[in-house]
């Protein structure tokens, strides 16, 4: 697999309200671990849509991994100016991620109009990647359930892999990190 779509929860869906929350480091380490496995198997591109949470944390991980691997990432937004109503700190982080991306575009090429733009983004990215890497847990459905359903539907008629990092995986990473701190 050469290209994956990496997505998952928004920060508020996890009860995370700033990047100093201990859960952020755990999620980033879990993403890093999975990306290293995929990179060793030939991964070249990671696609994100630039939304807050898992996707921005993933971009930070990818930027670190660029020191060791030939990895690229693209930001494919559902609409133009998606960050327009975000606070200044989130906008700065977003602009940094976009500035360092290897490719940036918008699916609908116009500002926000309606929720259908998010669905079109997910369809487009799924159709143009080989797999989905989803940070998701069945017990905390929230927004990732929609992209998972789209990917499952697509995988019924196309070779498309769905890789999940769930609550158990995050717990294992947390315990491993705690063990290393001792």
C-alpha atoms as a PDB file:
ATOM      1  CA  UNK A   1       0.000   0.000   0.000  1.00  0.00           C
ATOM      2  CA  UNK A   2       1.407   3.325  -1.087  1.00  0.00           C
ATOM      3  CA  UNK A   3      -1.190   5.839   0.148  1.00  0.00           C
ATOM      4  CA  UNK A   4      -3.373   5.978   3.270  1.00  0.00           C
ATOM      5  CA  UNK A   5      -6.091   8.265   4.562  1.00  0.00           C
ATOM      6  CA  UNK A   6      -5.381   8.978   8.235  1.00  0.00           C
ATOM      7  CA  UNK A   7      -8.224  10.362  10.325  1.00  0.00           C
ATOM      8  CA  UNK A   8     -10.072   9.999  13.614  1.00  0.00           C
ATOM      9  CA  UNK A   9     -11.506  12.004  16.443  1.00  0.00           C
ATOM     10  CA  UNK A  10     -11.687  15.766  16.944  1.00  0.00           C
ATOM     11  CA  UNK A  11     -10.152  16.844  20.280  1.00  0.00           C
ATOM     12  CA  UNK A  12     -13.494  17.646  21.981  1.00  0.00           C
ATOM     13  CA  UNK A  13     -14.800  14.142  21.147  1.00  0.00           C
ATOM     14  CA  UNK A  14     -12.018  12.800  23.373  1.00  0.00           C
ATOM     15  CA  UNK A  15     -12.364  15.431  26.088  1.00  0.00           C
ATOM     16  CA  UNK A  16      -9.047  16.976  25.029  1.00  0.00           C
ATOM     17  CA  UNK A  17      -8.999  20.755  25.109  1.00  0.00           C
ATOM     18  CA  UNK A  18      -5.286  21.503  24.690  1.00  0.00           C
ATOM     19  CA  UNK A  19      -2.153  19.789  23.383  1.00  0.00           C
ATOM     20  CA  UNK A  20      -0.712  19.394  26.892  1.00  0.00           C
ATOM     21  CA  UNK A  21      -3.328  16.711  27.649  1.00  0.00           C
ATOM     22  CA  UNK A  22      -1.512  13.382  28.285  1.00  0.00           C
ATOM     23  CA  UNK A  23      -3.749  11.637  25.751  1.00  0.00           C
ATOM     24  CA  UNK A  24      -2.194  13.605  22.890  1.00  0.00           C
ATOM     25  CA  UNK A  25       1.253  12.062  23.419  1.00  0.00           C
ATOM     26  CA  UNK A  26      -0.294   8.582  23.573  1.00  0.00           C
ATOM     27  CA  UNK A  27      -2.268   9.087  20.351  1.00  0.00           C
ATOM     28  CA  UNK A  28       0.794  10.523  18.582  1.00  0.00           C
ATOM     29  CA  UNK A  29       2.943   7.563  19.692  1.00  0.00           C
ATOM     30  CA  UNK A  30       0.293   5.090  18.495  1.00  0.00           C
ATOM     31  CA  UNK A  31       0.162   6.861  15.120  1.00  0.00           C
ATOM     32  CA  UNK A  32       3.957   6.858  14.909  1.00  0.00           C
ATOM     33  CA  UNK A  33       4.150   3.134  15.699  1.00  0.00           C
ATOM     34  CA  UNK A  34       1.579   2.257  13.017  1.00  0.00           C
ATOM     35  CA  UNK A  35       3.140   4.581  10.429  1.00  0.00           C
ATOM     36  CA  UNK A  36       6.574   3.012  10.992  1.00  0.00           C
ATOM     37  CA  UNK A  37       5.105  -0.429  10.241  1.00  0.00           C
ATOM     38  CA  UNK A  38       3.404   0.881   7.106  1.00  0.00           C
ATOM     39  CA  UNK A  39       6.527   2.785   5.999  1.00  0.00           C
ATOM     40  CA  UNK A  40       8.566  -0.398   6.275  1.00  0.00           C
ATOM     41  CA  UNK A  41       5.943  -1.991   3.994  1.00  0.00           C
ATOM     42  CA  UNK A  42       6.273   0.736   1.338  1.00  0.00           C
ATOM     43  CA  UNK A  43       3.965   3.547   2.448  1.00  0.00           C
ATOM     44  CA  UNK A  44       4.749   6.763   0.552  1.00  0.00           C
ATOM     45  CA  UNK A  45       1.847   9.180   1.128  1.00  0.00           C
ATOM     46  CA  UNK A  46      -0.483  10.024   4.001  1.00  0.00           C
ATOM     47  CA  UNK A  47      -3.610  12.024   3.224  1.00  0.00           C
ATOM     48  CA  UNK A  48      -5.335  14.128   5.883  1.00  0.00           C
ATOM     49  CA  UNK A  49      -8.059  16.753   5.600  1.00  0.00           C
ATOM     50  CA  UNK A  50      -6.465  19.101   8.125  1.00  0.00           C
ATOM     51  CA  UNK A  51      -9.163  18.904  10.755  1.00  0.00           C
ATOM     52  CA  UNK A  52      -8.299  19.430  14.401  1.00  0.00           C
ATOM     53  CA  UNK A  53      -7.318  16.480  16.572  1.00  0.00           C
ATOM     54  CA  UNK A  54      -6.023  13.190  15.221  1.00  0.00           C
ATOM     55  CA  UNK A  55      -5.234  14.674  11.803  1.00  0.00           C
ATOM     56  CA  UNK A  56      -3.177  17.615  13.041  1.00  0.00           C
ATOM     57  CA  UNK A  57      -1.381  15.369  15.540  1.00  0.00           C
ATOM     58  CA  UNK A  58      -0.670  12.943  12.689  1.00  0.00           C
ATOM     59  CA  UNK A  59       0.823  15.752  10.589  1.00  0.00           C
ATOM     60  CA  UNK A  60       3.175  16.602  13.465  1.00  0.00           C
ATOM     61  CA  UNK A  61       4.232  12.932  13.662  1.00  0.00           C
ATOM     62  CA  UNK A  62       4.795  12.799   9.890  1.00  0.00           C
ATOM     63  CA  UNK A  63       6.964  15.922  10.010  1.00  0.00           C
ATOM     64  CA  UNK A  64       9.165  14.171  12.598  1.00  0.00           C
ATOM     65  CA  UNK A  65       9.269  10.957  10.554  1.00  0.00           C
ATOM     66  CA  UNK A  66      10.469  12.896   7.484  1.00  0.00           C
ATOM     67  CA  UNK A  67      13.891  12.970   9.187  1.00  0.00           C
ATOM     68  CA  UNK A  68      14.101   9.177   8.857  1.00  0.00           C
ATOM     69  CA  UNK A  69      11.787   8.203   6.008  1.00  0.00           C
ATOM     70  CA  UNK A  70      10.867   9.388   2.545  1.00  0.00           C
ATOM     71  CA  UNK A  71       7.250  10.116   3.502  1.00  0.00           C
ATOM     72  CA  UNK A  72       4.957  12.756   2.054  1.00  0.00           C
ATOM     73  CA  UNK A  73       1.609  14.064   3.183  1.00  0.00           C
ATOM     74  CA  UNK A  74      -1.195  15.969   1.562  1.00  0.00           C
ATOM     75  CA  UNK A  75      -3.952  18.079   3.035  1.00  0.00           C
ATOM     76  CA  UNK A  76      -7.210  17.693   1.107  1.00  0.00           C
ATOM     77  CA  UNK A  77      -9.867  19.886   2.694  1.00  0.00           C
ATOM     78  CA  UNK A  78     -13.618  19.546   2.148  1.00  0.00           C
ATOM     79  CA  UNK A  79     -13.955  23.263   1.314  1.00  0.00           C
ATOM     80  CA  UNK A  80     -11.905  26.447   1.175  1.00  0.00           C
ATOM     81  CA  UNK A  81     -11.017  28.345   4.362  1.00  0.00           C
ATOM     82  CA  UNK A  82     -12.061  25.502   6.693  1.00  0.00           C
ATOM     83  CA  UNK A  83     -10.026  27.144   9.466  1.00  0.00           C
ATOM     84  CA  UNK A  84     -11.776  30.528   9.135  1.00  0.00           C
ATOM     85  CA  UNK A  85     -13.790  30.244  12.371  1.00  0.00           C
ATOM     86  CA  UNK A  86     -11.098  28.541  14.454  1.00  0.00           C
ATOM     87  CA  UNK A  87      -9.290  30.415  17.221  1.00  0.00           C
ATOM     88  CA  UNK A  88      -5.936  32.029  16.445  1.00  0.00           C
ATOM     89  CA  UNK A  89      -3.804  29.265  17.974  1.00  0.00           C
ATOM     90  CA  UNK A  90      -5.604  26.537  15.988  1.00  0.00           C
ATOM     91  CA  UNK A  91      -5.322  28.638  12.819  1.00  0.00           C
ATOM     92  CA  UNK A  92      -1.562  29.039  13.314  1.00  0.00           C
ATOM     93  CA  UNK A  93      -1.121  25.303  13.817  1.00  0.00           C
ATOM     94  CA  UNK A  94      -3.226  24.601  10.734  1.00  0.00           C
ATOM     95  CA  UNK A  95      -1.266  27.103   8.618  1.00  0.00           C
ATOM     96  CA  UNK A  96       1.996  25.457   9.732  1.00  0.00           C
ATOM     97  CA  UNK A  97       0.727  22.017   8.735  1.00  0.00           C
ATOM     98  CA  UNK A  98      -0.524  23.279   5.364  1.00  0.00           C
ATOM     99  CA  UNK A  99       2.741  25.160   4.721  1.00  0.00           C
ATOM    100  CA  UNK A 100       4.780  21.976   5.248  1.00  0.00           C
ATOM    101  CA  UNK A 101       2.487  19.657   3.272  1.00  0.00           C
ATOM    102  CA  UNK A 102       3.730  18.172   0.006  1.00  0.00           C
ATOM    103  CA  UNK A 103       0.350  18.769  -1.662  1.00  0.00           C
ATOM    104  CA  UNK A 104      -2.710  20.840  -0.713  1.00  0.00           C
ATOM    105  CA  UNK A 105      -6.115  21.122  -2.374  1.00  0.00           C
ATOM    106  CA  UNK A 106      -9.812  21.417  -1.607  1.00  0.00           C
ATOM    107  CA  UNK A 107     -12.442  18.973  -2.863  1.00  0.00           C
ATOM    108  CA  UNK A 108     -15.215  21.509  -3.523  1.00  0.00           C
ATOM    109  CA  UNK A 109     -13.102  24.606  -4.315  1.00  0.00           C
ATOM    110  CA  UNK A 110     -15.497  26.926  -2.490  1.00  0.00           C
ATOM    111  CA  UNK A 111     -16.243  27.968   1.114  1.00  0.00           C
ATOM    112  CA  UNK A 112     -18.454  25.961   3.458  1.00  0.00           C
ATOM    113  CA  UNK A 113     -22.024  25.477   2.226  1.00  0.00           C
ATOM    114  CA  UNK A 114     -23.398  22.334   3.863  1.00  0.00           C
ATOM    115  CA  UNK A 115     -22.452  19.010   5.519  1.00  0.00           C
ATOM    116  CA  UNK A 116     -22.436  17.213   2.142  1.00  0.00           C
ATOM    117  CA  UNK A 117     -18.956  18.682   1.574  1.00  0.00           C
ATOM    118  CA  UNK A 118     -17.551  16.487   4.373  1.00  0.00           C
ATOM    119  CA  UNK A 119     -19.067  13.376   2.761  1.00  0.00           C
ATOM    120  CA  UNK A 120     -17.656  14.341  -0.649  1.00  0.00           C
ATOM    121  CA  UNK A 121     -14.229  14.866   0.944  1.00  0.00           C
ATOM    122  CA  UNK A 122     -14.292  11.403   2.508  1.00  0.00           C
ATOM    123  CA  UNK A 123     -15.505   9.737  -0.701  1.00  0.00           C
ATOM    124  CA  UNK A 124     -12.820  11.472  -2.753  1.00  0.00           C
ATOM    125  CA  UNK A 125      -9.994  10.619  -0.362  1.00  0.00           C
ATOM    126  CA  UNK A 126     -11.108   6.995   0.074  1.00  0.00           C
ATOM    127  CA  UNK A 127     -11.324   6.536  -3.707  1.00  0.00           C
ATOM    128  CA  UNK A 128      -7.799   7.928  -4.092  1.00  0.00           C
ATOM    129  CA  UNK A 129      -6.009   6.009  -1.327  1.00  0.00           C
ATOM    130  CA  UNK A 130      -5.177   2.351  -0.713  1.00  0.00           C
ATOM    131  CA  UNK A 131      -6.228   2.164   2.928  1.00  0.00           C
ATOM    132  CA  UNK A 132      -7.764   3.979   5.862  1.00  0.00           C
ATOM    133  CA  UNK A 133      -5.864   4.366   9.129  1.00  0.00           C
ATOM    134  CA  UNK A 134      -8.559   5.280  11.629  1.00  0.00           C
ATOM    135  CA  UNK A 135      -8.171   6.172  15.278  1.00  0.00           C
ATOM    136  CA  UNK A 136     -11.542   4.895  16.414  1.00  0.00           C
ATOM    137  CA  UNK A 137     -13.272   2.897  19.116  1.00  0.00           C
ATOM    138  CA  UNK A 138     -16.696   1.281  18.727  1.00  0.00           C
ATOM    139  CA  UNK A 139     -17.590   2.325  22.298  1.00  0.00           C
ATOM    140  CA  UNK A 140     -17.051   6.020  21.482  1.00  0.00           C
ATOM    141  CA  UNK A 141     -18.579   6.341  18.016  1.00  0.00           C
ATOM    142  CA  UNK A 142     -18.633  10.115  17.373  1.00  0.00           C
ATOM    143  CA  UNK A 143     -17.665  11.474  13.947  1.00  0.00           C
ATOM    144  CA  UNK A 144     -15.198   8.745  12.812  1.00  0.00           C
ATOM    145  CA  UNK A 145     -18.075   6.273  12.430  1.00  0.00           C
ATOM    146  CA  UNK A 146     -19.156   8.014   9.199  1.00  0.00           C
ATOM    147  CA  UNK A 147     -15.826   7.677   7.420  1.00  0.00           C
ATOM    148  CA  UNK A 148     -15.545   4.084   8.622  1.00  0.00           C
ATOM    149  CA  UNK A 149     -18.955   3.247   7.092  1.00  0.00           C
ATOM    150  CA  UNK A 150     -17.948   4.862   3.790  1.00  0.00           C
ATOM    151  CA  UNK A 151     -14.654   2.938   3.763  1.00  0.00           C
ATOM    152  CA  UNK A 152     -16.418  -0.336   4.583  1.00  0.00           C
ATOM    153  CA  UNK A 153     -18.890   0.220   1.755  1.00  0.00           C
ATOM    154  CA  UNK A 154     -16.038   1.054  -0.656  1.00  0.00           C
ATOM    155  CA  UNK A 155     -14.050  -2.017   0.454  1.00  0.00           C
ATOM    156  CA  UNK A 156     -16.934  -4.294  -0.548  1.00  0.00           C
ATOM    157  CA  UNK A 157     -16.226  -3.573  -4.232  1.00  0.00           C
ATOM    158  CA  UNK A 158     -12.571  -2.432  -4.179  1.00  0.00           C
ATOM    159  CA  UNK A 159      -9.356  -3.684  -2.573  1.00  0.00           C
ATOM    160  CA  UNK A 160      -9.284  -1.282   0.363  1.00  0.00           C
ATOM    161  CA  UNK A 161      -7.798  -1.967   3.779  1.00  0.00           C
ATOM    162  CA  UNK A 162      -9.162  -0.491   7.016  1.00  0.00           C
ATOM    163  CA  UNK A 163      -6.627  -0.311   9.850  1.00  0.00           C
ATOM    164  CA  UNK A 164      -7.887   0.791  13.244  1.00  0.00           C
ATOM    165  CA  UNK A 165      -6.140   2.043  16.337  1.00  0.00           C
ATOM    166  CA  UNK A 166      -8.677   1.442  19.111  1.00  0.00           C
ATOM    167  CA  UNK A 167      -8.886   2.077  22.867  1.00  0.00           C
ATOM    168  CA  UNK A 168      -7.059  -1.184  23.629  1.00  0.00           C
ATOM    169  CA  UNK A 169      -4.190  -0.208  21.308  1.00  0.00           C
ATOM    170  CA  UNK A 170      -3.962   3.213  22.961  1.00  0.00           C
ATOM    171  CA  UNK A 171      -3.937   1.574  26.412  1.00  0.00           C
ATOM    172  CA  UNK A 172      -1.034  -0.669  25.329  1.00  0.00           C
ATOM    173  CA  UNK A 173       0.894   2.381  24.072  1.00  0.00           C
ATOM    174  CA  UNK A 174       0.180   4.246  27.313  1.00  0.00           C
ATOM    175  CA  UNK A 175       1.477   1.328  29.383  1.00  0.00           C
ATOM    176  CA  UNK A 176       4.565   1.015  27.172  1.00  0.00           C
ATOM    177  CA  UNK A 177       5.270   4.747  27.540  1.00  0.00           C
ATOM    178  CA  UNK A 178       4.775   4.553  31.295  1.00  0.00           C
ATOM    179  CA  UNK A 179       7.118   1.567  31.494  1.00  0.00           C
ATOM    180  CA  UNK A 180       9.779   3.465  29.532  1.00  0.00           C
ATOM    181  CA  UNK A 181       9.491   6.431  31.916  1.00  0.00           C
ATOM    182  CA  UNK A 182      10.397   4.137  34.826  1.00  0.00           C
END
